[in-house]
Amino acid sequence: MALVTTKEMFAKAFDGKYAIGAFNINNMEIIQGVTDAARKHNSAVILQVSRSALKYAGPKYLLYMVNAAVETTGVDLALHLDHGPDMETVKVCVENGFTSVMFDGSHYDYEENVAKTKEVVEYAHARGVVVEAELGKLAGVEDEVNVSSANATYTDPDQALDFVKRTGVDSLAIAIGTSHGAYKFKGEAKLDFNRLETITNKLESAGISNFPIVLHGASSVDADCVALCNQYGGKIEGASGIPNEMLRKASSMAVCKINMDTDLRLAMTAAIRKHMGEKPSSFDPRGYLGDARQLIQGLVEKKITDILGSVDSMK
């Protein structure tokens, strides 16, 4: 077994009207929790790494742990750079065995985003690595990505078509109302599905068929995990995420990749807080990290079965 790119994953997902879960990893327990859930449901999965995670764990540690998961589980895994800010970070990941990279040039003006993304595509494709890019700006905070609500912009459908044609990207992250972090909505949750459909139709009309769309900032912000955090001393108040039914609808359309990070952070924190609260004399990391791994696995299983629809996607 070996790491794979997302090309075949996304082709199957588009045809099957489901999405592949992309889960951010930082340590061994998260990797094990996610991949054990994928193995249980025979689901392909994407493990993604932010620049902050690269700094925290190091690319080689992450690669070897992910390779161990491939050998142990037999699951189709892609190792993906999430929100790569520059060519230097992209090169570090490609040189260390990542099979997919995301270049985020959404903070540049449009023409500069096109030029820089095309440069990344040419570099990565020459080395057998696929590329995701972003058009539009999502609000919220995640690691080193911080965009205010005032600066958030939805993806323009005409620009999306032009961008895909000129850059040659393999998938595109669009902004239709999702946001990073645990506080996604102050009022009613809304996603612009008409915009998603328009983008897909424009690509299809231009002969770009079955093009995979990506949703960033798509954690549901699991209410049980938030409640568990708060029960054991946390202060996570007013957190809200993307409703499951909206993510299911997106999965049935052109969205082939759904990113989830906040939910894993909440699950790990909730499990550790509970362990420490109930066992104040405990100081064995295997105890509280083992509990965290178990809760993460259960959470990811629900994502696979109830939202993503990727059960048996490896058949």
C-alpha atoms as a PDB file:
ATOM      1  CA  MET A   1       0.000   0.000   0.000  1.00  0.00           C
ATOM      2  CA  ALA A   2       1.101   3.574  -0.601  1.00  0.00           C
ATOM      3  CA  LEU A   3      -0.202   7.095  -0.376  1.00  0.00           C
ATOM      4  CA  VAL A   4      -2.393   8.119  -3.300  1.00  0.00           C
ATOM      5  CA  THR A   5      -3.399  11.381  -4.939  1.00  0.00           C
ATOM      6  CA  THR A   6      -6.986  12.625  -4.790  1.00  0.00           C
ATOM      7  CA  LYS A   7      -7.694  12.212  -8.525  1.00  0.00           C
ATOM      8  CA  GLU A   8      -9.363   8.805  -8.361  1.00  0.00           C
ATOM      9  CA  MET A   9     -10.971   9.621  -4.994  1.00  0.00           C
ATOM     10  CA  PHE A  10     -12.673  12.687  -6.440  1.00  0.00           C
ATOM     11  CA  ALA A  11     -13.725  10.979  -9.676  1.00  0.00           C
ATOM     12  CA  LYS A  12     -15.534   8.297  -7.663  1.00  0.00           C
ATOM     13  CA  ALA A  13     -16.998  10.874  -5.281  1.00  0.00           C
ATOM     14  CA  PHE A  14     -18.383  13.031  -8.094  1.00  0.00           C
ATOM     15  CA  ASP A  15     -20.025  10.058  -9.792  1.00  0.00           C
ATOM     16  CA  GLY A  16     -21.321   8.653  -6.490  1.00  0.00           C
ATOM     17  CA  LYS A  17     -22.561  12.024  -5.194  1.00  0.00           C
ATOM     18  CA  TYR A  18     -20.638  11.843  -1.940  1.00  0.00           C
ATOM     19  CA  ALA A  19     -17.649  13.699  -0.496  1.00  0.00           C
ATOM     20  CA  ILE A  20     -14.279  12.682   0.945  1.00  0.00           C
ATOM     21  CA  GLY A  21     -13.498  13.936   4.422  1.00  0.00           C
ATOM     22  CA  ALA A  22     -10.312  15.987   4.783  1.00  0.00           C
ATOM     23  CA  PHE A  23      -9.207  16.010   8.420  1.00  0.00           C
ATOM     24  CA  ASN A  24      -6.391  18.120   9.828  1.00  0.00           C
ATOM     25  CA  ILE A  25      -3.720  16.165  11.691  1.00  0.00           C
ATOM     26  CA  ASN A  26      -1.159  17.248  14.262  1.00  0.00           C
ATOM     27  CA  ASN A  27      -0.120  14.100  16.135  1.00  0.00           C
ATOM     28  CA  MET A  28      -0.304  10.305  16.213  1.00  0.00           C
ATOM     29  CA  GLU A  29      -3.583  10.023  18.093  1.00  0.00           C
ATOM     30  CA  ILE A  30      -5.482  12.169  15.584  1.00  0.00           C
ATOM     31  CA  ILE A  31      -4.039  10.168  12.683  1.00  0.00           C
ATOM     32  CA  GLN A  32      -5.024   6.886  14.349  1.00  0.00           C
ATOM     33  CA  GLY A  33      -8.516   8.067  15.262  1.00  0.00           C
ATOM     34  CA  VAL A  34      -9.260   9.274  11.736  1.00  0.00           C
ATOM     35  CA  THR A  35      -7.784   6.305   9.891  1.00  0.00           C
ATOM     36  CA  ASP A  36      -9.297   3.698  12.220  1.00  0.00           C
ATOM     37  CA  ALA A  37     -12.706   5.238  11.509  1.00  0.00           C
ATOM     38  CA  ALA A  38     -11.979   5.134   7.769  1.00  0.00           C
ATOM     39  CA  ARG A  39     -10.916   1.496   7.970  1.00  0.00           C
ATOM     40  CA  LYS A  40     -14.074   0.519   9.860  1.00  0.00           C
ATOM     41  CA  HIS A  41     -16.247   1.959   7.099  1.00  0.00           C
ATOM     42  CA  ASN A  42     -13.964   1.159   4.151  1.00  0.00           C
ATOM     43  CA  SER A  43     -13.767   4.850   3.338  1.00  0.00           C
ATOM     44  CA  ALA A  44     -11.032   6.755   1.561  1.00  0.00           C
ATOM     45  CA  VAL A  45      -9.854   9.781   3.530  1.00  0.00           C
ATOM     46  CA  ILE A  46      -7.584  12.808   3.211  1.00  0.00           C
ATOM     47  CA  LEU A  47      -5.167  13.716   5.984  1.00  0.00           C
ATOM     48  CA  GLN A  48      -4.203  17.354   5.738  1.00  0.00           C
ATOM     49  CA  VAL A  49      -1.513  19.445   7.340  1.00  0.00           C
ATOM     50  CA  SER A  50      -1.440  23.203   7.886  1.00  0.00           C
ATOM     51  CA  ARG A  51       1.760  25.224   7.954  1.00  0.00           C
ATOM     52  CA  SER A  52       1.372  25.457  11.742  1.00  0.00           C
ATOM     53  CA  ALA A  53       1.201  21.654  11.950  1.00  0.00           C
ATOM     54  CA  LEU A  54       4.319  21.413   9.791  1.00  0.00           C
ATOM     55  CA  LYS A  55       6.126  23.638  12.263  1.00  0.00           C
ATOM     56  CA  TYR A  56       4.742  21.725  15.244  1.00  0.00           C
ATOM     57  CA  ALA A  57       5.398  18.128  14.186  1.00  0.00           C
ATOM     58  CA  GLY A  58       7.768  18.400  11.224  1.00  0.00           C
ATOM     59  CA  PRO A  59       7.071  17.038   7.732  1.00  0.00           C
ATOM     60  CA  LYS A  60       9.078  13.830   8.156  1.00  0.00           C
ATOM     61  CA  TYR A  61       7.397  12.851  11.444  1.00  0.00           C
ATOM     62  CA  LEU A  62       4.007  13.437   9.853  1.00  0.00           C
ATOM     63  CA  LEU A  63       4.918  11.508   6.688  1.00  0.00           C
ATOM     64  CA  TYR A  64       6.199   8.464   8.579  1.00  0.00           C
ATOM     65  CA  MET A  65       3.177   8.366  10.887  1.00  0.00           C
ATOM     66  CA  VAL A  66       0.841   8.614   7.900  1.00  0.00           C
ATOM     67  CA  ASN A  67       2.759   5.888   6.062  1.00  0.00           C
ATOM     68  CA  ALA A  68       2.367   3.713   9.157  1.00  0.00           C
ATOM     69  CA  ALA A  69      -1.386   4.338   9.001  1.00  0.00           C
ATOM     70  CA  VAL A  70      -1.435   3.298   5.330  1.00  0.00           C
ATOM     71  CA  GLU A  71       0.328   0.023   6.130  1.00  0.00           C
ATOM     72  CA  THR A  72      -1.765  -0.649   9.230  1.00  0.00           C
ATOM     73  CA  THR A  73      -5.220   0.151   7.891  1.00  0.00           C
ATOM     74  CA  GLY A  74      -4.977  -0.538   4.158  1.00  0.00           C
ATOM     75  CA  VAL A  75      -7.104   2.560   3.583  1.00  0.00           C
ATOM     76  CA  ASP A  76      -6.599   4.843   0.583  1.00  0.00           C
ATOM     77  CA  LEU A  77      -5.006   7.943   2.091  1.00  0.00           C
ATOM     78  CA  ALA A  78      -3.889  11.197   0.520  1.00  0.00           C
ATOM     79  CA  LEU A  79      -1.483  13.450   2.423  1.00  0.00           C
ATOM     80  CA  HIS A  80      -2.383  17.055   1.691  1.00  0.00           C
ATOM     81  CA  LEU A  81      -0.985  20.501   2.465  1.00  0.00           C
ATOM     82  CA  ASP A  82      -3.777  22.745   3.739  1.00  0.00           C
ATOM     83  CA  HIS A  83      -3.584  26.493   3.048  1.00  0.00           C
ATOM     84  CA  GLY A  84      -0.062  26.546   1.700  1.00  0.00           C
ATOM     85  CA  PRO A  85       0.868  30.234   1.735  1.00  0.00           C
ATOM     86  CA  ASP A  86       3.842  30.204  -0.656  1.00  0.00           C
ATOM     87  CA  MET A  87       5.962  28.146  -3.030  1.00  0.00           C
ATOM     88  CA  GLU A  88       8.539  27.465  -0.328  1.00  0.00           C
ATOM     89  CA  THR A  89       5.980  25.604   1.809  1.00  0.00           C
ATOM     90  CA  VAL A  90       4.663  23.758  -1.242  1.00  0.00           C
ATOM     91  CA  LYS A  91       8.172  22.569  -2.104  1.00  0.00           C
ATOM     92  CA  VAL A  92       8.813  21.336   1.445  1.00  0.00           C
ATOM     93  CA  CYS A  93       5.688  19.194   1.274  1.00  0.00           C
ATOM     94  CA  VAL A  94       6.274  17.851  -2.241  1.00  0.00           C
ATOM     95  CA  GLU A  95       9.859  16.969  -1.366  1.00  0.00           C
ATOM     96  CA  ASN A  96       8.648  15.133   1.732  1.00  0.00           C
ATOM     97  CA  GLY A  97       6.179  12.854   0.000  1.00  0.00           C
ATOM     98  CA  PHE A  98       2.885  14.738   0.138  1.00  0.00           C
ATOM     99  CA  THR A  99       0.573  13.653  -2.681  1.00  0.00           C
ATOM    100  CA  SER A 100      -1.561  16.796  -2.773  1.00  0.00           C
ATOM    101  CA  VAL A 101      -1.012  20.472  -2.011  1.00  0.00           C
ATOM    102  CA  MET A 102      -3.313  23.422  -1.613  1.00  0.00           C
ATOM    103  CA  PHE A 103      -1.960  26.826  -2.544  1.00  0.00           C
ATOM    104  CA  ASP A 104      -3.985  29.608  -0.990  1.00  0.00           C
ATOM    105  CA  GLY A 105      -3.534  32.769  -3.016  1.00  0.00           C
ATOM    106  CA  SER A 106      -6.956  34.140  -2.109  1.00  0.00           C
ATOM    107  CA  HIS A 107      -5.392  37.092  -0.266  1.00  0.00           C
ATOM    108  CA  TYR A 108      -3.751  38.314  -3.489  1.00  0.00           C
ATOM    109  CA  ASP A 109      -5.567  40.264  -6.172  1.00  0.00           C
ATOM    110  CA  TYR A 110      -7.091  38.059  -8.846  1.00  0.00           C
ATOM    111  CA  GLU A 111      -4.374  38.229 -11.501  1.00  0.00           C
ATOM    112  CA  GLU A 112      -1.602  37.598  -8.974  1.00  0.00           C
ATOM    113  CA  ASN A 113      -3.550  34.656  -7.558  1.00  0.00           C
ATOM    114  CA  VAL A 114      -3.812  33.223 -11.087  1.00  0.00           C
ATOM    115  CA  ALA A 115      -0.096  33.680 -11.789  1.00  0.00           C
ATOM    116  CA  LYS A 116       1.134  32.228  -8.495  1.00  0.00           C
ATOM    117  CA  THR A 117      -1.302  29.319  -8.614  1.00  0.00           C
ATOM    118  CA  LYS A 118      -0.240  28.450 -12.167  1.00  0.00           C
ATOM    119  CA  GLU A 119       3.384  28.412 -11.045  1.00  0.00           C
ATOM    120  CA  VAL A 120       2.526  25.981  -8.226  1.00  0.00           C
ATOM    121  CA  VAL A 121       0.534  23.767 -10.615  1.00  0.00           C
ATOM    122  CA  GLU A 122       3.418  23.531 -13.083  1.00  0.00           C
ATOM    123  CA  TYR A 123       5.864  22.641 -10.299  1.00  0.00           C
ATOM    124  CA  ALA A 124       3.608  20.091  -8.580  1.00  0.00           C
ATOM    125  CA  HIS A 125       2.269  18.379 -11.727  1.00  0.00           C
ATOM    126  CA  ALA A 126       5.813  17.805 -12.952  1.00  0.00           C
ATOM    127  CA  ARG A 127       6.318  15.750  -9.778  1.00  0.00           C
ATOM    128  CA  GLY A 128       3.058  13.827  -9.835  1.00  0.00           C
ATOM    129  CA  VAL A 129       1.352  15.924  -7.144  1.00  0.00           C
ATOM    130  CA  VAL A 130      -2.164  17.350  -7.513  1.00  0.00           C
ATOM    131  CA  VAL A 131      -3.098  20.924  -6.648  1.00  0.00           C
ATOM    132  CA  GLU A 132      -6.060  22.574  -4.934  1.00  0.00           C
ATOM    133  CA  ALA A 133      -6.468  26.351  -4.962  1.00  0.00           C
ATOM    134  CA  GLU A 134      -8.869  28.850  -3.426  1.00  0.00           C
ATOM    135  CA  LEU A 135     -10.972  31.600  -4.944  1.00  0.00           C
ATOM    136  CA  GLY A 136     -12.952  33.884  -2.658  1.00  0.00           C
ATOM    137  CA  LYS A 137     -12.231  34.536   1.009  1.00  0.00           C
ATOM    138  CA  LEU A 138     -13.689  32.625   3.950  1.00  0.00           C
ATOM    139  CA  ALA A 139     -14.217  34.480   7.202  1.00  0.00           C
ATOM    140  CA  GLY A 140     -12.878  33.128  10.490  1.00  0.00           C
ATOM    141  CA  VAL A 141      -9.670  32.030  12.172  1.00  0.00           C
ATOM    142  CA  GLU A 142      -7.765  28.779  11.682  1.00  0.00           C
ATOM    143  CA  ASP A 143      -4.070  28.501  12.567  1.00  0.00           C
ATOM    144  CA  GLU A 144      -2.396  31.268  10.538  1.00  0.00           C
ATOM    145  CA  VAL A 145      -5.464  32.050   8.402  1.00  0.00           C
ATOM    146  CA  ASN A 146      -7.414  35.013   9.778  1.00  0.00           C
ATOM    147  CA  VAL A 147     -10.058  36.816   7.714  1.00  0.00           C
ATOM    148  CA  SER A 148     -12.574  39.246   9.173  1.00  0.00           C
ATOM    149  CA  SER A 149     -16.243  39.086   8.203  1.00  0.00           C
ATOM    150  CA  ALA A 150     -15.875  42.459   6.502  1.00  0.00           C
ATOM    151  CA  ASN A 151     -13.138  41.100   4.232  1.00  0.00           C
ATOM    152  CA  ALA A 152     -14.862  37.806   3.373  1.00  0.00           C
ATOM    153  CA  THR A 153     -16.009  37.531  -0.243  1.00  0.00           C
ATOM    154  CA  TYR A 154     -18.038  34.882  -2.076  1.00  0.00           C
ATOM    155  CA  THR A 155     -16.560  33.215  -5.141  1.00  0.00           C
ATOM    156  CA  ASP A 156     -17.536  34.808  -8.446  1.00  0.00           C
ATOM    157  CA  PRO A 157     -18.736  32.071 -10.879  1.00  0.00           C
ATOM    158  CA  ASP A 158     -17.247  33.727 -13.963  1.00  0.00           C
ATOM    159  CA  GLN A 159     -13.905  34.102 -12.230  1.00  0.00           C
ATOM    160  CA  ALA A 160     -14.061  30.476 -11.104  1.00  0.00           C
ATOM    161  CA  LEU A 161     -14.311  29.291 -14.707  1.00  0.00           C
ATOM    162  CA  ASP A 162     -11.545  31.609 -15.869  1.00  0.00           C
ATOM    163  CA  PHE A 163      -9.342  30.604 -12.930  1.00  0.00           C
ATOM    164  CA  VAL A 164      -9.672  26.859 -13.537  1.00  0.00           C
ATOM    165  CA  LYS A 165      -8.993  27.246 -17.272  1.00  0.00           C
ATOM    166  CA  ARG A 166      -5.932  29.450 -16.824  1.00  0.00           C
ATOM    167  CA  THR A 167      -4.273  27.705 -13.875  1.00  0.00           C
ATOM    168  CA  GLY A 168      -4.931  24.018 -14.549  1.00  0.00           C
ATOM    169  CA  VAL A 169      -5.777  23.280 -10.912  1.00  0.00           C
ATOM    170  CA  ASP A 170      -7.204  19.873 -10.042  1.00  0.00           C
ATOM    171  CA  SER A 171      -9.792  21.137  -7.540  1.00  0.00           C
ATOM    172  CA  LEU A 172     -11.072  24.480  -6.313  1.00  0.00           C
ATOM    173  CA  ALA A 173     -12.044  25.654  -2.843  1.00  0.00           C
ATOM    174  CA  ILE A 174     -14.892  28.146  -3.110  1.00  0.00           C
ATOM    175  CA  ALA A 175     -16.544  30.546  -0.679  1.00  0.00           C
ATOM    176  CA  ILE A 176     -20.323  30.063  -0.404  1.00  0.00           C
ATOM    177  CA  GLY A 177     -20.846  30.885   3.271  1.00  0.00           C
ATOM    178  CA  THR A 178     -18.707  28.483   5.295  1.00  0.00           C
ATOM    179  CA  SER A 179     -16.072  29.905   7.643  1.00  0.00           C
ATOM    180  CA  HIS A 180     -13.125  28.779   9.712  1.00  0.00           C
ATOM    181  CA  GLY A 181     -13.195  28.220  13.462  1.00  0.00           C
ATOM    182  CA  ALA A 182     -15.853  27.364  16.055  1.00  0.00           C
ATOM    183  CA  TYR A 183     -17.970  30.505  15.646  1.00  0.00           C
ATOM    184  CA  LYS A 184     -19.217  30.350  12.082  1.00  0.00           C
ATOM    185  CA  PHE A 185     -22.605  32.061  12.341  1.00  0.00           C
ATOM    186  CA  LYS A 186     -24.130  34.723  14.557  1.00  0.00           C
ATOM    187  CA  GLY A 187     -27.595  34.099  13.173  1.00  0.00           C
ATOM    188  CA  GLU A 188     -29.168  31.547  10.878  1.00  0.00           C
ATOM    189  CA  ALA A 189     -26.739  29.332   8.994  1.00  0.00           C
ATOM    190  CA  LYS A 190     -26.821  29.871   5.235  1.00  0.00           C
ATOM    191  CA  LEU A 191     -24.894  28.396   2.330  1.00  0.00           C
ATOM    192  CA  ASP A 192     -25.286  29.746  -1.192  1.00  0.00           C
ATOM    193  CA  PHE A 193     -26.142  26.526  -3.047  1.00  0.00           C
ATOM    194  CA  ASN A 194     -27.279  28.494  -6.098  1.00  0.00           C
ATOM    195  CA  ARG A 195     -23.753  29.877  -6.420  1.00  0.00           C
ATOM    196  CA  LEU A 196     -22.316  26.370  -6.122  1.00  0.00           C
ATOM    197  CA  GLU A 197     -24.656  25.114  -8.848  1.00  0.00           C
ATOM    198  CA  THR A 198     -23.873  28.080 -11.106  1.00  0.00           C
ATOM    199  CA  ILE A 199     -20.125  27.464 -10.802  1.00  0.00           C
ATOM    200  CA  THR A 200     -20.581  23.786 -11.632  1.00  0.00           C
ATOM    201  CA  ASN A 201     -22.822  24.549 -14.619  1.00  0.00           C
ATOM    202  CA  LYS A 202     -20.367  27.073 -16.027  1.00  0.00           C
ATOM    203  CA  LEU A 203     -17.531  24.557 -15.792  1.00  0.00           C
ATOM    204  CA  GLU A 204     -19.653  21.857 -17.426  1.00  0.00           C
ATOM    205  CA  SER A 205     -20.726  24.179 -20.234  1.00  0.00           C
ATOM    206  CA  ALA A 206     -17.079  24.956 -20.930  1.00  0.00           C
ATOM    207  CA  GLY A 207     -16.282  21.248 -21.261  1.00  0.00           C
ATOM    208  CA  ILE A 208     -14.739  20.915 -17.793  1.00  0.00           C
ATOM    209  CA  SER A 209     -16.792  17.985 -16.591  1.00  0.00           C
ATOM    210  CA  ASN A 210     -16.950  16.462 -13.109  1.00  0.00           C
ATOM    211  CA  PHE A 211     -14.676  19.130 -11.668  1.00  0.00           C
ATOM    212  CA  PRO A 212     -14.254  18.666  -7.890  1.00  0.00           C
ATOM    213  CA  ILE A 213     -15.255  21.537  -5.616  1.00  0.00           C
ATOM    214  CA  VAL A 214     -13.914  21.864  -2.056  1.00  0.00           C
ATOM    215  CA  LEU A 215     -15.529  23.329   1.056  1.00  0.00           C
ATOM    216  CA  HIS A 216     -13.218  24.752   3.690  1.00  0.00           C
ATOM    217  CA  GLY A 217     -14.392  25.703   7.169  1.00  0.00           C
ATOM    218  CA  ALA A 218     -17.014  22.960   7.168  1.00  0.00           C
ATOM    219  CA  SER A 219     -16.946  21.588  10.714  1.00  0.00           C
ATOM    220  CA  SER A 220     -20.360  21.025  12.263  1.00  0.00           C
ATOM    221  CA  VAL A 221     -18.953  22.154  15.641  1.00  0.00           C
ATOM    222  CA  ASP A 222     -20.334  19.064  17.369  1.00  0.00           C
ATOM    223  CA  ALA A 223     -22.687  20.133  20.156  1.00  0.00           C
ATOM    224  CA  ASP A 224     -21.885  17.104  22.317  1.00  0.00           C
ATOM    225  CA  CYS A 225     -18.174  17.863  22.260  1.00  0.00           C
ATOM    226  CA  VAL A 226     -18.787  21.518  23.077  1.00  0.00           C
ATOM    227  CA  ALA A 227     -21.044  20.520  25.982  1.00  0.00           C
ATOM    228  CA  LEU A 228     -18.461  18.035  27.270  1.00  0.00           C
ATOM    229  CA  CYS A 229     -15.736  20.689  27.136  1.00  0.00           C
ATOM    230  CA  ASN A 230     -17.878  23.117  29.088  1.00  0.00           C
ATOM    231  CA  GLN A 231     -18.986  20.461  31.587  1.00  0.00           C
ATOM    232  CA  TYR A 232     -15.368  19.934  32.587  1.00  0.00           C
ATOM    233  CA  GLY A 233     -14.244  23.538  32.903  1.00  0.00           C
ATOM    234  CA  GLY A 234     -14.204  24.797  29.337  1.00  0.00           C
ATOM    235  CA  LYS A 235     -15.569  28.172  28.269  1.00  0.00           C
ATOM    236  CA  ILE A 236     -16.705  27.615  24.694  1.00  0.00           C
ATOM    237  CA  GLU A 237     -19.875  29.655  24.500  1.00  0.00           C
ATOM    238  CA  GLY A 238     -21.988  30.444  21.470  1.00  0.00           C
ATOM    239  CA  ALA A 239     -20.062  28.127  19.141  1.00  0.00           C
ATOM    240  CA  SER A 240     -21.912  27.150  15.967  1.00  0.00           C
ATOM    241  CA  GLY A 241     -21.024  25.237  12.821  1.00  0.00           C
ATOM    242  CA  ILE A 242     -22.426  24.092   9.504  1.00  0.00           C
ATOM    243  CA  PRO A 243     -25.645  22.065   9.960  1.00  0.00           C
ATOM    244  CA  ASN A 244     -25.285  18.439   8.920  1.00  0.00           C
ATOM    245  CA  GLU A 245     -28.116  18.626   6.414  1.00  0.00           C
ATOM    246  CA  MET A 246     -26.356  21.451   4.547  1.00  0.00           C
ATOM    247  CA  LEU A 247     -23.149  19.430   4.347  1.00  0.00           C
ATOM    248  CA  ARG A 248     -25.100  16.405   3.113  1.00  0.00           C
ATOM    249  CA  LYS A 249     -26.648  18.544   0.381  1.00  0.00           C
ATOM    250  CA  ALA A 250     -23.236  19.891  -0.640  1.00  0.00           C
ATOM    251  CA  SER A 251     -21.895  16.321  -0.746  1.00  0.00           C
ATOM    252  CA  SER A 252     -24.660  15.341  -3.170  1.00  0.00           C
ATOM    253  CA  MET A 253     -23.684  18.155  -5.534  1.00  0.00           C
ATOM    254  CA  ALA A 254     -20.199  18.894  -6.915  1.00  0.00           C
ATOM    255  CA  VAL A 255     -18.459  19.108  -3.543  1.00  0.00           C
ATOM    256  CA  CYS A 256     -15.998  16.209  -3.418  1.00  0.00           C
ATOM    257  CA  LYS A 257     -13.868  17.316  -0.440  1.00  0.00           C
ATOM    258  CA  ILE A 258     -15.081  18.689   2.883  1.00  0.00           C
ATOM    259  CA  ASN A 259     -12.519  20.082   5.320  1.00  0.00           C
ATOM    260  CA  MET A 260     -12.937  19.524   9.054  1.00  0.00           C
ATOM    261  CA  ASP A 261     -10.467  20.695  11.679  1.00  0.00           C
ATOM    262  CA  THR A 262     -12.360  22.428  14.490  1.00  0.00           C
ATOM    263  CA  ASP A 263     -14.443  19.328  15.236  1.00  0.00           C
ATOM    264  CA  LEU A 264     -11.304  17.256  15.854  1.00  0.00           C
ATOM    265  CA  ARG A 265      -9.824  19.904  18.126  1.00  0.00           C
ATOM    266  CA  LEU A 266     -13.029  20.045  20.137  1.00  0.00           C
ATOM    267  CA  ALA A 267     -13.208  16.255  20.445  1.00  0.00           C
ATOM    268  CA  MET A 268      -9.607  15.950  21.612  1.00  0.00           C
ATOM    269  CA  THR A 269     -10.012  18.770  24.124  1.00  0.00           C
ATOM    270  CA  ALA A 270     -13.327  17.409  25.411  1.00  0.00           C
ATOM    271  CA  ALA A 271     -11.914  13.920  25.987  1.00  0.00           C
ATOM    272  CA  ILE A 272      -8.824  15.206  27.771  1.00  0.00           C
ATOM    273  CA  ARG A 273     -10.843  17.580  29.971  1.00  0.00           C
ATOM    274  CA  LYS A 274     -13.212  14.752  30.911  1.00  0.00           C
ATOM    275  CA  HIS A 275     -10.339  12.399  31.743  1.00  0.00           C
ATOM    276  CA  MET A 276      -8.585  14.966  33.911  1.00  0.00           C
ATOM    277  CA  GLY A 277     -11.815  16.027  35.587  1.00  0.00           C
ATOM    278  CA  GLU A 278     -12.808  12.482  36.501  1.00  0.00           C
ATOM    279  CA  LYS A 279      -9.288  11.272  37.299  1.00  0.00           C
ATOM    280  CA  PRO A 280      -7.448  14.208  38.864  1.00  0.00           C
ATOM    281  CA  SER A 281      -4.564  12.008  39.990  1.00  0.00           C
ATOM    282  CA  SER A 282      -3.941  10.711  36.452  1.00  0.00           C
ATOM    283  CA  PHE A 283      -0.702  11.702  34.751  1.00  0.00           C
ATOM    284  CA  ASP A 284      -0.251   8.955  32.160  1.00  0.00           C
ATOM    285  CA  PRO A 285      -0.499  10.527  28.686  1.00  0.00           C
ATOM    286  CA  ARG A 286      -1.612   7.183  27.250  1.00  0.00           C
ATOM    287  CA  GLY A 287      -4.751   7.452  29.353  1.00  0.00           C
ATOM    288  CA  TYR A 288      -6.014  10.871  28.322  1.00  0.00           C
ATOM    289  CA  LEU A 289      -4.629  10.729  24.774  1.00  0.00           C
ATOM    290  CA  GLY A 290      -6.145   7.282  24.350  1.00  0.00           C
ATOM    291  CA  ASP A 291      -9.534   8.677  25.368  1.00  0.00           C
ATOM    292  CA  ALA A 292      -9.044  11.513  22.871  1.00  0.00           C
ATOM    293  CA  ARG A 293      -8.227   9.063  20.095  1.00  0.00           C
ATOM    294  CA  GLN A 294     -11.377   7.065  20.838  1.00  0.00           C
ATOM    295  CA  LEU A 295     -13.651  10.128  20.791  1.00  0.00           C
ATOM    296  CA  ILE A 296     -12.076  11.349  17.542  1.00  0.00           C
ATOM    297  CA  GLN A 297     -12.674   7.963  15.937  1.00  0.00           C
ATOM    298  CA  GLY A 298     -16.327   8.014  16.936  1.00  0.00           C
ATOM    299  CA  LEU A 299     -16.753  11.549  15.639  1.00  0.00           C
ATOM    300  CA  VAL A 300     -15.146  10.757  12.278  1.00  0.00           C
ATOM    301  CA  GLU A 301     -17.284   7.635  11.920  1.00  0.00           C
ATOM    302  CA  LYS A 302     -20.395   9.814  12.232  1.00  0.00           C
ATOM    303  CA  LYS A 303     -19.016  12.199   9.627  1.00  0.00           C
ATOM    304  CA  ILE A 304     -18.426   9.332   7.204  1.00  0.00           C
ATOM    305  CA  THR A 305     -21.821   7.687   7.690  1.00  0.00           C
ATOM    306  CA  ASP A 306     -24.116  10.649   8.350  1.00  0.00           C
ATOM    307  CA  ILE A 307     -22.621  13.513   6.301  1.00  0.00           C
ATOM    308  CA  LEU A 308     -20.020  12.503   3.767  1.00  0.00           C
ATOM    309  CA  GLY A 309     -21.670   9.324   2.473  1.00  0.00           C
ATOM    310  CA  SER A 310     -18.237   7.811   1.725  1.00  0.00           C
ATOM    311  CA  VAL A 311     -18.902   4.384   3.262  1.00  0.00           C
ATOM    312  CA  ASP A 312     -17.397   1.648   1.042  1.00  0.00           C
ATOM    313  CA  SER A 313     -15.859   4.259  -1.254  1.00  0.00           C
ATOM    314  CA  MET A 314     -12.793   2.015  -1.639  1.00  0.00           C
ATOM    315  CA  LYS A 315     -14.737  -0.686  -3.492  1.00  0.00           C
END
